[in-house]
Structure formats: structure tokens, C-alpha cells
């Protein structure tokens, strides 16, 4: 069985029982917990902010993988860092000062990642790759869970994998959107290190069993 890192998104969990969702993921010993932060401006949806994250931090030591799908992310970094984020990923399309963002985030001892929408070429990130801790490829248009996987995005993953292996870069290659038992093997085969899974887990009758099925579907 090929190993990969699993980062379940709690976006599709029952928000009235988020403590139970975190405890379930903690028991399942997932690698990350993915936090989808949306502002209704950068993407057409609204999710939650630091005040929701902070009490969840006390429930687990699993790293929080915080994905900021928001405009002007530099204005809100401290709130998400103070709430307990271990990784903060910002969108390339949301800021003109990636180096400034990276400096601010890393100065606080937090890992820095960049995400790109499906329409953004992966080549736009090439100059930044040596400094990144994580690169998140969106395989759906960001904003809503449960969308269909865009198989063409695997070419971006392949390019990132080739550059990582060639240059001994340390970034995690993560993919997010439409990941389930059918699409996950292709993502790992293309070179992804980590996958974000939301609706496939929390839409299942038995989320814990679904996590084990996801782990087992890659040979």
C-alpha cells in the first residue's frame, strides 16, 4: 500500500457537532485537519473564522491545515495563527505580495503554502517553489464541496512532482477537490503527497470506515 497524507476537510461536517468531528479525526489519526476559510468575496461561499478554530485546537494535536480562500489575506493572518493554525495556505490570485506574506507567516513559526485555482498555470509558482512548505492544487473551482474532480489538474501535480524530485525541494504537494475512492489513486499516482477529502468522508454513513477505505484504495 502506497503511503500518502490525508487531510480531511471539516467543511461538510455537522457544524453543530464540530467537536465530535474533530474527535473522530483524532481517533482515526489523520495527518492533517483541513480548514476551509471562505469570505464570500474571493469565492462565492462563506464558512468560518478564527473564533471557530480556536476551541477546536484544544481537542487535538493533529496539525491544522488552514486554507485561506479570502481576499486581502494579509489582514487576517494573526487571527488564524493565534487560533492554532500549523500551516497557512493563501491563494496566489488573492495577493500581489507572496514574499511578504511568506515572511510574515514564517516569522510566527507557521508553515507557508500557496494554492492556485484551476485556471492559474502552475508555472506561475516556479520561482517560489524553493521557499514553500506546501503547494495546494485545486482540482475544482474553490468555494463549494462536493464538486466533480477535474482530471486535467493532475498535469500540474506531475510537474510539481518532477521539480520536487529533481531539485530536492521540501514542499508537500496537496490536491483538493472531488477526491474520493475513485479519484484518489490517480492523484497519488500523479505525485501528490497529500489529499484533501471532505464530502466523501462526512457525507458517508460511517465516516471512520470511509477514512479506512480511502487509505486502502491506493495500492
N, C-alpha and C. Protein backbone atom coordinates (compact mmCIF):
# COMPACT_ATOMS: atom_id res chain seq x y z
N UNK A 1 0.84 -1.20 0.00
CA UNK A 1 0.00 0.00 0.00
C UNK A 1 0.88 1.25 0.00
N UNK A 2 0.65 2.13 -0.96
CA UNK A 2 1.43 3.35 -1.06
C UNK A 2 0.96 4.35 -0.01
N UNK A 3 1.90 4.97 0.69
CA UNK A 3 1.54 5.89 1.76
C UNK A 3 1.28 7.29 1.21
N UNK A 4 0.34 7.96 1.80
CA UNK A 4 0.06 9.35 1.49
C UNK A 4 -0.53 9.99 2.73
N UNK A 5 -0.59 11.31 2.73
CA UNK A 5 -1.12 12.04 3.87
C UNK A 5 -2.58 12.43 3.60
N UNK A 6 -3.40 12.23 4.60
CA UNK A 6 -4.83 12.50 4.48
C UNK A 6 -5.19 13.74 5.30
N UNK A 7 -5.84 14.70 4.63
CA UNK A 7 -6.23 15.95 5.27
C UNK A 7 -7.73 16.16 5.12
N UNK A 8 -8.53 15.55 5.99
CA UNK A 8 -9.99 15.72 5.88
C UNK A 8 -10.42 17.16 6.11
N UNK A 9 -11.31 17.64 5.27
CA UNK A 9 -11.89 18.96 5.44
C UNK A 9 -13.16 18.86 6.26
N UNK A 10 -13.29 19.75 7.25
CA UNK A 10 -14.49 19.71 8.10
C UNK A 10 -15.62 20.57 7.52
N UNK A 11 -15.43 21.09 6.30
CA UNK A 11 -16.45 21.95 5.71
C UNK A 11 -17.81 21.26 5.60
N UNK A 12 -17.80 19.95 5.37
CA UNK A 12 -19.05 19.21 5.21
C UNK A 12 -19.45 18.46 6.48
N UNK A 13 -18.76 18.73 7.58
CA UNK A 13 -19.15 18.12 8.85
C UNK A 13 -20.37 18.85 9.41
N UNK A 14 -21.00 18.25 10.40
CA UNK A 14 -22.13 18.86 11.08
C UNK A 14 -21.59 19.98 11.99
N UNK A 15 -21.88 21.24 11.65
CA UNK A 15 -21.31 22.36 12.40
C UNK A 15 -21.87 22.48 13.81
N UNK A 16 -22.95 21.80 14.09
CA UNK A 16 -23.46 21.80 15.46
C UNK A 16 -22.72 20.78 16.33
N UNK A 17 -21.89 19.96 15.67
CA UNK A 17 -21.13 18.93 16.41
C UNK A 17 -19.69 18.87 15.92
N UNK A 18 -19.07 20.02 15.75
CA UNK A 18 -17.70 20.03 15.25
C UNK A 18 -16.73 19.35 16.22
N UNK A 19 -17.05 19.41 17.51
CA UNK A 19 -16.19 18.73 18.47
C UNK A 19 -16.16 17.23 18.20
N UNK A 20 -17.31 16.66 17.85
CA UNK A 20 -17.36 15.23 17.53
C UNK A 20 -16.58 14.92 16.27
N UNK A 21 -16.65 15.81 15.27
CA UNK A 21 -15.91 15.60 14.03
C UNK A 21 -14.41 15.60 14.29
N UNK A 22 -13.95 16.54 15.11
CA UNK A 22 -12.51 16.61 15.43
C UNK A 22 -12.07 15.38 16.21
N UNK A 23 -12.87 14.95 17.14
CA UNK A 23 -12.52 13.75 17.93
C UNK A 23 -12.48 12.51 17.04
N UNK A 24 -13.40 12.43 16.08
CA UNK A 24 -13.39 11.30 15.14
C UNK A 24 -12.09 11.28 14.33
N UNK A 25 -11.68 12.45 13.84
CA UNK A 25 -10.45 12.53 13.05
C UNK A 25 -9.22 12.27 13.91
N UNK A 26 -9.29 12.69 15.16
CA UNK A 26 -8.18 12.44 16.08
C UNK A 26 -8.03 10.94 16.34
N UNK A 27 -9.14 10.27 16.55
CA UNK A 27 -9.12 8.82 16.76
C UNK A 27 -8.61 8.08 15.53
N UNK A 28 -8.96 8.61 14.35
CA UNK A 28 -8.52 7.98 13.10
C UNK A 28 -7.07 8.29 12.76
N UNK A 29 -6.47 9.19 13.54
CA UNK A 29 -5.05 9.54 13.37
C UNK A 29 -4.76 10.02 11.93
N UNK A 30 -5.60 10.93 11.45
CA UNK A 30 -5.33 11.52 10.14
C UNK A 30 -4.09 12.41 10.26
N UNK A 31 -3.55 12.80 9.11
CA UNK A 31 -2.28 13.55 9.11
C UNK A 31 -2.47 15.04 9.33
N UNK A 32 -3.54 15.58 8.78
CA UNK A 32 -3.88 16.99 8.94
C UNK A 32 -5.40 17.10 9.10
N UNK A 33 -5.83 18.25 9.62
CA UNK A 33 -7.24 18.62 9.56
C UNK A 33 -7.32 19.89 8.73
N UNK A 34 -8.08 19.81 7.64
CA UNK A 34 -8.14 20.90 6.67
C UNK A 34 -9.27 21.86 7.02
N UNK A 35 -8.92 23.13 7.11
CA UNK A 35 -9.88 24.17 7.48
C UNK A 35 -10.08 25.10 6.29
N UNK A 36 -11.25 25.03 5.68
CA UNK A 36 -11.57 25.85 4.51
C UNK A 36 -12.16 27.18 4.95
N UNK A 37 -11.41 28.24 4.76
CA UNK A 37 -11.84 29.57 5.20
C UNK A 37 -12.27 30.37 3.97
N UNK A 38 -13.55 30.78 3.92
CA UNK A 38 -14.10 31.46 2.76
C UNK A 38 -14.84 32.72 3.20
N UNK A 39 -14.68 33.78 2.41
CA UNK A 39 -15.19 35.09 2.83
C UNK A 39 -16.39 35.59 2.02
N UNK A 40 -16.86 34.82 1.05
CA UNK A 40 -17.97 35.28 0.24
C UNK A 40 -17.59 36.33 -0.78
N UNK A 41 -16.31 36.62 -0.88
CA UNK A 41 -15.81 37.63 -1.83
C UNK A 41 -14.82 37.00 -2.79
N UNK A 42 -13.75 36.42 -2.26
CA UNK A 42 -12.79 35.73 -3.13
C UNK A 42 -13.40 34.50 -3.76
N UNK A 43 -14.25 33.83 -3.00
CA UNK A 43 -15.03 32.70 -3.50
C UNK A 43 -16.49 32.91 -3.11
N UNK A 44 -17.43 32.32 -3.86
CA UNK A 44 -18.86 32.57 -3.60
C UNK A 44 -19.45 31.71 -2.49
N UNK A 45 -18.82 31.74 -1.34
CA UNK A 45 -19.33 30.99 -0.20
C UNK A 45 -18.72 31.59 1.06
N UNK A 46 -19.34 31.36 2.20
CA UNK A 46 -18.84 31.82 3.49
C UNK A 46 -18.77 30.62 4.42
N UNK A 47 -17.66 30.50 5.15
CA UNK A 47 -17.54 29.35 6.05
C UNK A 47 -17.40 29.80 7.50
N UNK A 48 -16.18 29.95 8.01
CA UNK A 48 -15.99 30.27 9.42
C UNK A 48 -14.64 30.96 9.59
N UNK A 49 -14.38 31.42 10.79
CA UNK A 49 -13.16 32.17 11.05
C UNK A 49 -12.44 31.68 12.30
N UNK A 50 -11.48 32.48 12.79
CA UNK A 50 -10.64 32.06 13.92
C UNK A 50 -11.40 31.70 15.19
N UNK A 51 -12.54 32.35 15.44
CA UNK A 51 -13.27 32.06 16.68
C UNK A 51 -13.85 30.65 16.70
N UNK A 52 -14.05 30.07 15.54
CA UNK A 52 -14.49 28.67 15.46
C UNK A 52 -13.30 27.74 15.63
N UNK A 53 -12.17 28.14 15.07
CA UNK A 53 -10.98 27.28 15.08
C UNK A 53 -10.39 27.15 16.49
N UNK A 54 -10.33 28.25 17.21
CA UNK A 54 -9.59 28.27 18.48
C UNK A 54 -10.05 27.21 19.48
N UNK A 55 -11.35 27.04 19.73
CA UNK A 55 -11.75 25.98 20.68
C UNK A 55 -11.51 24.57 20.16
N UNK A 56 -11.45 24.42 18.84
CA UNK A 56 -11.17 23.09 18.28
C UNK A 56 -9.71 22.70 18.51
N UNK A 57 -8.86 23.70 18.61
CA UNK A 57 -7.42 23.43 18.77
C UNK A 57 -7.14 22.63 20.04
N UNK A 58 -7.93 22.85 21.05
CA UNK A 58 -7.71 22.15 22.33
C UNK A 58 -8.10 20.68 22.27
N UNK A 59 -8.80 20.26 21.20
CA UNK A 59 -9.32 18.90 21.11
C UNK A 59 -8.37 17.91 20.46
N UNK A 60 -7.32 18.40 19.82
CA UNK A 60 -6.41 17.51 19.10
C UNK A 60 -5.05 18.16 18.89
N UNK A 61 -4.05 17.32 18.73
CA UNK A 61 -2.71 17.81 18.39
C UNK A 61 -2.40 17.64 16.91
N UNK A 62 -3.35 17.11 16.15
CA UNK A 62 -3.17 16.96 14.71
C UNK A 62 -3.00 18.34 14.09
N UNK A 63 -2.03 18.52 13.19
CA UNK A 63 -1.80 19.84 12.58
C UNK A 63 -3.02 20.37 11.85
N UNK A 64 -3.28 21.65 12.05
CA UNK A 64 -4.35 22.34 11.34
C UNK A 64 -3.80 22.92 10.05
N UNK A 65 -4.40 22.49 8.95
CA UNK A 65 -4.02 22.84 7.58
C UNK A 65 -5.05 23.88 7.11
N UNK A 66 -4.73 25.17 7.32
CA UNK A 66 -5.70 26.24 7.11
C UNK A 66 -5.56 26.84 5.72
N UNK A 67 -6.64 26.75 4.95
CA UNK A 67 -6.66 27.18 3.54
C UNK A 67 -7.49 28.45 3.44
N UNK A 68 -6.80 29.58 3.24
CA UNK A 68 -7.47 30.87 3.20
C UNK A 68 -7.93 31.18 1.78
N UNK A 69 -9.21 31.02 1.54
CA UNK A 69 -9.83 31.42 0.27
C UNK A 69 -10.50 32.76 0.49
N UNK A 70 -9.66 33.77 0.74
CA UNK A 70 -10.16 35.08 1.11
C UNK A 70 -9.36 36.17 0.40
N UNK A 71 -9.99 37.31 0.23
CA UNK A 71 -9.31 38.49 -0.30
C UNK A 71 -8.47 39.13 0.81
N UNK A 72 -7.38 39.81 0.42
CA UNK A 72 -6.50 40.51 1.36
C UNK A 72 -6.13 39.65 2.56
N UNK A 73 -5.56 38.47 2.32
CA UNK A 73 -5.25 37.57 3.44
C UNK A 73 -4.30 38.18 4.46
N UNK A 74 -3.47 39.12 4.05
CA UNK A 74 -2.50 39.72 4.96
C UNK A 74 -3.18 40.41 6.15
N UNK A 75 -4.43 40.81 6.00
CA UNK A 75 -5.14 41.49 7.08
C UNK A 75 -5.59 40.55 8.19
N UNK A 76 -5.60 39.27 7.91
CA UNK A 76 -6.23 38.32 8.83
C UNK A 76 -5.27 37.24 9.34
N UNK A 77 -4.01 37.32 8.97
CA UNK A 77 -3.07 36.25 9.31
C UNK A 77 -2.96 36.02 10.81
N UNK A 78 -2.81 37.09 11.57
CA UNK A 78 -2.58 36.92 13.01
C UNK A 78 -3.73 36.18 13.68
N UNK A 79 -4.95 36.46 13.26
CA UNK A 79 -6.09 35.78 13.86
C UNK A 79 -6.05 34.28 13.65
N UNK A 80 -5.69 33.86 12.44
CA UNK A 80 -5.65 32.43 12.16
C UNK A 80 -4.43 31.76 12.78
N UNK A 81 -3.34 32.49 12.89
CA UNK A 81 -2.16 31.94 13.57
C UNK A 81 -2.44 31.80 15.06
N UNK A 82 -3.01 32.84 15.66
CA UNK A 82 -3.30 32.80 17.10
C UNK A 82 -4.33 31.71 17.43
N UNK A 83 -5.19 31.38 16.48
CA UNK A 83 -6.21 30.35 16.71
C UNK A 83 -5.63 28.94 16.71
N UNK A 84 -4.39 28.78 16.20
CA UNK A 84 -3.74 27.48 16.27
C UNK A 84 -3.39 26.83 14.95
N UNK A 85 -3.37 27.59 13.86
CA UNK A 85 -3.01 27.02 12.56
C UNK A 85 -1.54 26.62 12.53
N UNK A 86 -1.27 25.44 12.00
CA UNK A 86 0.11 24.98 11.83
C UNK A 86 0.63 25.26 10.43
N UNK A 87 -0.26 25.18 9.45
CA UNK A 87 0.02 25.56 8.07
C UNK A 87 -1.00 26.61 7.67
N UNK A 88 -0.56 27.64 6.97
CA UNK A 88 -1.49 28.58 6.36
C UNK A 88 -1.19 28.64 4.87
N UNK A 89 -2.21 28.35 4.08
CA UNK A 89 -2.10 28.37 2.62
C UNK A 89 -2.95 29.51 2.09
N UNK A 90 -2.31 30.38 1.31
CA UNK A 90 -3.02 31.51 0.70
C UNK A 90 -3.10 31.29 -0.80
N UNK A 91 -4.03 31.98 -1.44
CA UNK A 91 -4.17 31.84 -2.88
C UNK A 91 -3.27 32.81 -3.62
N UNK A 92 -2.57 32.29 -4.60
CA UNK A 92 -1.72 33.12 -5.45
C UNK A 92 -2.52 34.26 -6.05
N UNK A 93 -3.77 34.01 -6.37
CA UNK A 93 -4.61 35.00 -7.02
C UNK A 93 -5.12 36.09 -6.07
N UNK A 94 -4.91 35.91 -4.76
CA UNK A 94 -5.50 36.81 -3.76
C UNK A 94 -4.56 37.91 -3.28
N UNK A 95 -3.29 37.84 -3.65
CA UNK A 95 -2.33 38.82 -3.15
C UNK A 95 -1.22 39.04 -4.17
N UNK A 96 -0.72 40.27 -4.20
CA UNK A 96 0.40 40.61 -5.08
C UNK A 96 1.73 40.56 -4.35
N UNK A 97 1.70 40.20 -3.07
CA UNK A 97 2.93 40.20 -2.27
C UNK A 97 3.11 38.85 -1.58
N UNK A 98 3.36 37.82 -2.38
CA UNK A 98 3.54 36.49 -1.82
C UNK A 98 4.77 36.42 -0.91
N UNK A 99 5.83 37.10 -1.27
CA UNK A 99 7.04 37.06 -0.44
C UNK A 99 6.79 37.72 0.91
N UNK A 100 6.03 38.81 0.91
CA UNK A 100 5.70 39.46 2.17
C UNK A 100 4.83 38.59 3.05
N UNK A 101 3.86 37.94 2.45
CA UNK A 101 3.00 37.02 3.20
C UNK A 101 3.82 35.88 3.78
N UNK A 102 4.68 35.31 2.96
CA UNK A 102 5.51 34.20 3.42
C UNK A 102 6.38 34.62 4.60
N UNK A 103 6.98 35.80 4.50
CA UNK A 103 7.83 36.29 5.58
C UNK A 103 7.04 36.46 6.86
N UNK A 104 5.84 37.03 6.75
CA UNK A 104 5.01 37.26 7.94
C UNK A 104 4.59 35.96 8.59
N UNK A 105 4.21 34.99 7.79
CA UNK A 105 3.73 33.71 8.32
C UNK A 105 4.87 32.91 8.94
N UNK A 106 5.99 32.83 8.23
CA UNK A 106 7.11 32.04 8.75
C UNK A 106 7.74 32.68 9.98
N UNK A 107 7.65 34.00 10.09
CA UNK A 107 8.18 34.68 11.28
C UNK A 107 7.43 34.28 12.54
N UNK A 108 6.20 33.82 12.37
CA UNK A 108 5.40 33.36 13.51
C UNK A 108 5.55 31.86 13.75
N UNK A 109 6.45 31.21 13.02
CA UNK A 109 6.70 29.78 13.23
C UNK A 109 5.68 28.88 12.59
N UNK A 110 4.95 29.40 11.59
CA UNK A 110 3.91 28.64 10.90
C UNK A 110 4.39 28.32 9.49
N UNK A 111 4.02 27.14 9.00
CA UNK A 111 4.38 26.72 7.65
C UNK A 111 3.55 27.49 6.62
N UNK A 112 4.18 27.74 5.46
CA UNK A 112 3.54 28.58 4.44
C UNK A 112 3.28 27.80 3.16
N UNK A 113 2.03 27.91 2.67
CA UNK A 113 1.68 27.27 1.41
C UNK A 113 0.99 28.22 0.47
N UNK A 114 1.03 27.88 -0.82
CA UNK A 114 0.31 28.64 -1.84
C UNK A 114 -0.61 27.69 -2.59
N UNK A 115 -1.83 28.17 -2.87
CA UNK A 115 -2.78 27.41 -3.66
C UNK A 115 -3.07 28.16 -4.95
N UNK A 116 -3.42 27.40 -6.00
CA UNK A 116 -3.82 28.01 -7.26
C UNK A 116 -5.13 27.41 -7.72
N UNK A 117 -5.97 28.28 -8.31
CA UNK A 117 -7.23 27.85 -8.90
C UNK A 117 -6.97 27.05 -10.18
N UNK A 118 -7.96 26.32 -10.67
CA UNK A 118 -7.78 25.53 -11.89
C UNK A 118 -7.29 26.33 -13.09
N UNK A 119 -7.68 27.59 -13.20
CA UNK A 119 -7.29 28.37 -14.36
C UNK A 119 -5.92 29.02 -14.28
N UNK A 120 -5.25 28.89 -13.15
CA UNK A 120 -3.93 29.50 -12.98
C UNK A 120 -2.84 28.49 -13.31
N UNK A 121 -1.93 28.83 -14.24
CA UNK A 121 -0.85 27.89 -14.61
C UNK A 121 0.08 27.62 -13.43
N UNK A 122 0.48 26.40 -13.29
CA UNK A 122 1.38 26.05 -12.19
C UNK A 122 2.74 26.72 -12.35
N UNK A 123 3.09 27.08 -13.58
CA UNK A 123 4.37 27.73 -13.83
C UNK A 123 4.51 29.06 -13.10
N UNK A 124 3.38 29.69 -12.73
CA UNK A 124 3.45 30.96 -12.01
C UNK A 124 4.13 30.81 -10.65
N UNK A 125 4.21 29.59 -10.14
CA UNK A 125 4.79 29.34 -8.82
C UNK A 125 6.26 28.96 -8.86
N UNK A 126 6.81 28.74 -10.02
CA UNK A 126 8.13 28.13 -10.11
C UNK A 126 9.21 28.89 -9.33
N UNK A 127 9.21 30.21 -9.38
CA UNK A 127 10.24 30.98 -8.69
C UNK A 127 10.11 30.88 -7.17
N UNK A 128 8.93 30.56 -6.70
CA UNK A 128 8.68 30.50 -5.26
C UNK A 128 8.90 29.11 -4.66
N UNK A 129 8.94 28.10 -5.50
CA UNK A 129 8.96 26.72 -5.01
C UNK A 129 10.05 26.41 -3.98
N UNK A 130 11.27 26.94 -4.14
CA UNK A 130 12.30 26.59 -3.15
C UNK A 130 11.95 27.00 -1.72
N UNK A 131 11.06 27.98 -1.56
CA UNK A 131 10.74 28.51 -0.24
C UNK A 131 9.45 27.97 0.35
N UNK A 132 8.70 27.21 -0.42
CA UNK A 132 7.37 26.81 0.01
C UNK A 132 7.39 25.54 0.86
N UNK A 133 6.48 25.50 1.83
CA UNK A 133 6.28 24.29 2.63
C UNK A 133 5.18 23.41 2.05
N UNK A 134 4.28 24.02 1.26
CA UNK A 134 3.15 23.28 0.73
C UNK A 134 2.66 23.97 -0.54
N UNK A 135 2.28 23.18 -1.52
CA UNK A 135 1.61 23.69 -2.72
C UNK A 135 0.30 22.94 -2.86
N UNK A 136 -0.80 23.71 -2.91
CA UNK A 136 -2.14 23.12 -2.97
C UNK A 136 -2.74 23.35 -4.35
N UNK A 137 -2.96 22.26 -5.07
CA UNK A 137 -3.59 22.32 -6.38
C UNK A 137 -5.09 22.11 -6.22
N UNK A 138 -5.86 23.09 -6.68
CA UNK A 138 -7.32 22.95 -6.65
C UNK A 138 -7.77 22.15 -7.87
N UNK A 139 -8.47 21.06 -7.61
CA UNK A 139 -8.99 20.22 -8.70
C UNK A 139 -10.49 20.41 -8.89
N UNK A 140 -11.00 21.49 -8.30
CA UNK A 140 -12.34 22.03 -8.56
C UNK A 140 -12.22 23.54 -8.42
N UNK A 141 -13.24 24.27 -8.85
CA UNK A 141 -13.27 25.70 -8.57
C UNK A 141 -13.55 25.88 -7.08
N UNK A 142 -12.71 26.62 -6.36
CA UNK A 142 -12.90 26.73 -4.91
C UNK A 142 -14.20 27.45 -4.55
N UNK A 143 -14.80 27.00 -3.46
CA UNK A 143 -16.00 27.65 -2.96
C UNK A 143 -17.03 26.71 -2.37
N UNK A 144 -17.22 25.55 -2.98
CA UNK A 144 -18.23 24.61 -2.51
C UNK A 144 -17.71 23.18 -2.52
N UNK A 145 -18.11 22.39 -1.54
CA UNK A 145 -17.75 20.98 -1.51
C UNK A 145 -18.61 20.17 -2.45
N UNK A 146 -18.17 18.95 -2.73
CA UNK A 146 -18.98 18.01 -3.49
C UNK A 146 -18.91 18.17 -5.00
N UNK A 147 -17.95 18.95 -5.51
CA UNK A 147 -17.84 19.15 -6.95
C UNK A 147 -17.10 17.99 -7.63
N UNK A 148 -17.24 17.94 -8.96
CA UNK A 148 -16.60 16.88 -9.75
C UNK A 148 -15.12 17.17 -9.95
N UNK A 149 -14.33 16.15 -9.79
CA UNK A 149 -12.87 16.21 -9.93
C UNK A 149 -12.46 16.57 -11.35
N UNK A 150 -11.56 17.55 -11.49
CA UNK A 150 -11.03 17.95 -12.79
C UNK A 150 -9.74 17.18 -13.06
N UNK A 151 -9.83 16.15 -13.86
CA UNK A 151 -8.68 15.27 -14.08
C UNK A 151 -7.51 16.00 -14.72
N UNK A 152 -7.77 17.07 -15.48
CA UNK A 152 -6.69 17.80 -16.14
C UNK A 152 -5.73 18.43 -15.14
N UNK A 153 -6.17 18.63 -13.90
CA UNK A 153 -5.31 19.24 -12.89
C UNK A 153 -4.17 18.33 -12.46
N UNK A 154 -4.26 17.06 -12.81
CA UNK A 154 -3.18 16.13 -12.46
C UNK A 154 -1.88 16.47 -13.19
N UNK A 155 -1.98 17.14 -14.32
CA UNK A 155 -0.76 17.57 -15.03
C UNK A 155 0.04 18.55 -14.18
N UNK A 156 -0.65 19.39 -13.43
CA UNK A 156 0.05 20.31 -12.52
C UNK A 156 0.78 19.54 -11.42
N UNK A 157 0.10 18.52 -10.90
CA UNK A 157 0.71 17.70 -9.87
C UNK A 157 1.97 17.01 -10.41
N UNK A 158 1.89 16.49 -11.61
CA UNK A 158 3.04 15.81 -12.22
C UNK A 158 4.23 16.75 -12.38
N UNK A 159 3.96 17.98 -12.79
CA UNK A 159 5.04 18.96 -12.96
C UNK A 159 5.68 19.30 -11.61
N UNK A 160 4.85 19.47 -10.59
CA UNK A 160 5.38 19.76 -9.26
C UNK A 160 6.20 18.60 -8.72
N UNK A 161 5.75 17.38 -8.98
CA UNK A 161 6.48 16.20 -8.53
C UNK A 161 7.84 16.11 -9.21
N UNK A 162 7.88 16.35 -10.51
CA UNK A 162 9.14 16.28 -11.25
C UNK A 162 10.13 17.31 -10.72
N UNK A 163 9.67 18.52 -10.47
CA UNK A 163 10.55 19.57 -9.96
C UNK A 163 11.00 19.28 -8.53
N UNK A 164 10.10 18.76 -7.73
CA UNK A 164 10.45 18.42 -6.34
C UNK A 164 11.53 17.35 -6.31
N UNK A 165 11.37 16.32 -7.11
CA UNK A 165 12.34 15.24 -7.13
C UNK A 165 13.67 15.69 -7.72
N UNK A 166 13.62 16.48 -8.77
CA UNK A 166 14.84 16.93 -9.45
C UNK A 166 15.68 17.85 -8.56
N UNK A 167 15.01 18.76 -7.86
CA UNK A 167 15.70 19.79 -7.10
C UNK A 167 15.74 19.55 -5.60
N UNK A 168 15.18 18.42 -5.17
CA UNK A 168 15.14 18.08 -3.75
C UNK A 168 14.42 19.15 -2.94
N UNK A 169 13.33 19.68 -3.50
CA UNK A 169 12.50 20.64 -2.78
C UNK A 169 11.76 19.92 -1.67
N UNK A 170 11.34 20.69 -0.66
CA UNK A 170 10.72 20.07 0.52
C UNK A 170 9.21 20.28 0.62
N UNK A 171 8.60 20.99 -0.33
CA UNK A 171 7.17 21.28 -0.22
C UNK A 171 6.32 20.01 -0.33
N UNK A 172 5.21 20.04 0.38
CA UNK A 172 4.19 19.00 0.26
C UNK A 172 3.31 19.33 -0.93
N UNK A 173 3.07 18.35 -1.79
CA UNK A 173 2.14 18.53 -2.91
C UNK A 173 0.78 18.02 -2.45
N UNK A 174 -0.17 18.94 -2.37
CA UNK A 174 -1.51 18.61 -1.89
C UNK A 174 -2.52 18.91 -2.98
N UNK A 175 -3.57 18.11 -3.05
CA UNK A 175 -4.63 18.34 -4.03
C UNK A 175 -5.98 18.33 -3.32
N UNK A 176 -6.88 19.20 -3.80
CA UNK A 176 -8.13 19.42 -3.09
C UNK A 176 -9.26 19.62 -4.10
N UNK A 177 -10.31 18.79 -3.96
CA UNK A 177 -11.50 18.96 -4.78
C UNK A 177 -11.91 17.70 -5.49
N UNK A 178 -13.06 17.15 -5.12
CA UNK A 178 -13.57 15.96 -5.79
C UNK A 178 -12.80 14.70 -5.50
N UNK A 179 -12.08 14.67 -4.38
CA UNK A 179 -11.30 13.47 -4.05
C UNK A 179 -12.18 12.46 -3.31
N UNK A 180 -12.17 11.24 -3.84
CA UNK A 180 -12.90 10.13 -3.23
C UNK A 180 -12.16 8.84 -3.57
N UNK A 181 -12.75 7.70 -3.29
CA UNK A 181 -12.05 6.42 -3.53
C UNK A 181 -11.73 6.21 -5.01
N UNK A 182 -12.54 6.81 -5.89
CA UNK A 182 -12.32 6.63 -7.33
C UNK A 182 -11.21 7.53 -7.87
N UNK A 183 -11.11 8.75 -7.35
CA UNK A 183 -10.15 9.72 -7.88
C UNK A 183 -8.83 9.76 -7.12
N UNK A 184 -8.85 9.33 -5.87
CA UNK A 184 -7.64 9.41 -5.04
C UNK A 184 -6.45 8.64 -5.64
N UNK A 185 -6.63 7.41 -6.12
CA UNK A 185 -5.47 6.69 -6.66
C UNK A 185 -4.77 7.45 -7.80
N UNK A 186 -5.53 8.11 -8.65
CA UNK A 186 -4.93 8.87 -9.76
C UNK A 186 -4.11 10.04 -9.23
N UNK A 187 -4.60 10.68 -8.18
CA UNK A 187 -3.88 11.81 -7.60
C UNK A 187 -2.55 11.37 -7.00
N UNK A 188 -2.56 10.24 -6.32
CA UNK A 188 -1.32 9.74 -5.73
C UNK A 188 -0.36 9.26 -6.83
N UNK A 189 -0.88 8.61 -7.84
CA UNK A 189 -0.06 8.15 -8.94
C UNK A 189 0.60 9.32 -9.66
N UNK A 190 -0.10 10.45 -9.76
CA UNK A 190 0.46 11.64 -10.41
C UNK A 190 1.57 12.29 -9.58
N UNK A 191 1.60 12.00 -8.28
CA UNK A 191 2.67 12.52 -7.45
C UNK A 191 2.25 13.32 -6.24
N UNK A 192 0.97 13.36 -5.93
CA UNK A 192 0.52 14.09 -4.75
C UNK A 192 1.02 13.40 -3.48
N UNK A 193 1.43 14.22 -2.52
CA UNK A 193 1.83 13.71 -1.20
C UNK A 193 0.65 13.65 -0.25
N UNK A 194 -0.30 14.59 -0.44
CA UNK A 194 -1.42 14.72 0.48
C UNK A 194 -2.70 15.01 -0.30
N UNK A 195 -3.82 14.55 0.24
CA UNK A 195 -5.12 14.79 -0.40
C UNK A 195 -6.08 15.36 0.63
N UNK A 196 -6.86 16.33 0.18
CA UNK A 196 -7.93 16.89 1.00
C UNK A 196 -9.22 16.18 0.61
N UNK A 197 -9.92 15.65 1.60
CA UNK A 197 -11.18 14.93 1.35
C UNK A 197 -12.23 15.49 2.30
N UNK A 198 -13.35 15.91 1.76
CA UNK A 198 -14.41 16.48 2.59
C UNK A 198 -15.70 15.71 2.53
N UNK A 199 -16.47 15.92 1.47
CA UNK A 199 -17.80 15.33 1.38
C UNK A 199 -17.77 13.81 1.34
N UNK A 200 -16.71 13.23 0.77
CA UNK A 200 -16.63 11.77 0.70
C UNK A 200 -16.56 11.15 2.10
N UNK A 201 -15.98 11.89 3.04
CA UNK A 201 -15.90 11.39 4.43
C UNK A 201 -17.15 11.74 5.20
N UNK A 202 -17.48 13.03 5.25
CA UNK A 202 -18.56 13.45 6.13
C UNK A 202 -19.94 13.27 5.51
N UNK A 203 -19.97 12.89 4.24
CA UNK A 203 -21.24 12.52 3.63
C UNK A 203 -21.50 11.03 3.70
N UNK A 204 -20.54 10.28 4.20
CA UNK A 204 -20.67 8.82 4.32
C UNK A 204 -21.47 8.45 5.57
N UNK A 205 -22.12 7.29 5.53
CA UNK A 205 -22.87 6.83 6.70
C UNK A 205 -21.94 6.56 7.87
N UNK A 206 -20.73 6.09 7.56
CA UNK A 206 -19.75 5.77 8.60
C UNK A 206 -18.44 6.46 8.23
N UNK A 207 -18.22 7.71 8.66
CA UNK A 207 -17.02 8.45 8.28
C UNK A 207 -15.71 7.74 8.65
N UNK A 208 -15.68 7.09 9.80
CA UNK A 208 -14.46 6.40 10.21
C UNK A 208 -14.13 5.25 9.26
N UNK A 209 -15.14 4.51 8.85
CA UNK A 209 -14.93 3.42 7.90
C UNK A 209 -14.51 3.97 6.54
N UNK A 210 -15.04 5.12 6.17
CA UNK A 210 -14.68 5.73 4.89
C UNK A 210 -13.22 6.16 4.88
N UNK A 211 -12.74 6.66 6.00
CA UNK A 211 -11.32 7.02 6.11
C UNK A 211 -10.44 5.80 5.86
N UNK A 212 -10.80 4.67 6.46
CA UNK A 212 -10.01 3.45 6.26
C UNK A 212 -10.12 2.97 4.81
N UNK A 213 -11.28 3.13 4.20
CA UNK A 213 -11.44 2.73 2.80
C UNK A 213 -10.60 3.61 1.89
N UNK A 214 -10.50 4.88 2.19
CA UNK A 214 -9.65 5.80 1.41
C UNK A 214 -8.19 5.39 1.52
N UNK A 215 -7.78 5.07 2.71
CA UNK A 215 -6.38 4.65 2.93
C UNK A 215 -6.07 3.36 2.17
N UNK A 216 -7.07 2.51 2.07
CA UNK A 216 -6.85 1.19 1.46
C UNK A 216 -6.97 1.20 -0.06
N UNK A 217 -7.46 2.28 -0.65
CA UNK A 217 -7.74 2.26 -2.08
C UNK A 217 -6.51 2.52 -2.94
N UNK A 218 -5.41 2.89 -2.33
CA UNK A 218 -4.16 3.11 -3.08
C UNK A 218 -3.25 1.93 -2.85
N UNK A 219 -2.91 1.23 -3.91
CA UNK A 219 -2.10 0.02 -3.79
C UNK A 219 -0.60 0.34 -4.01
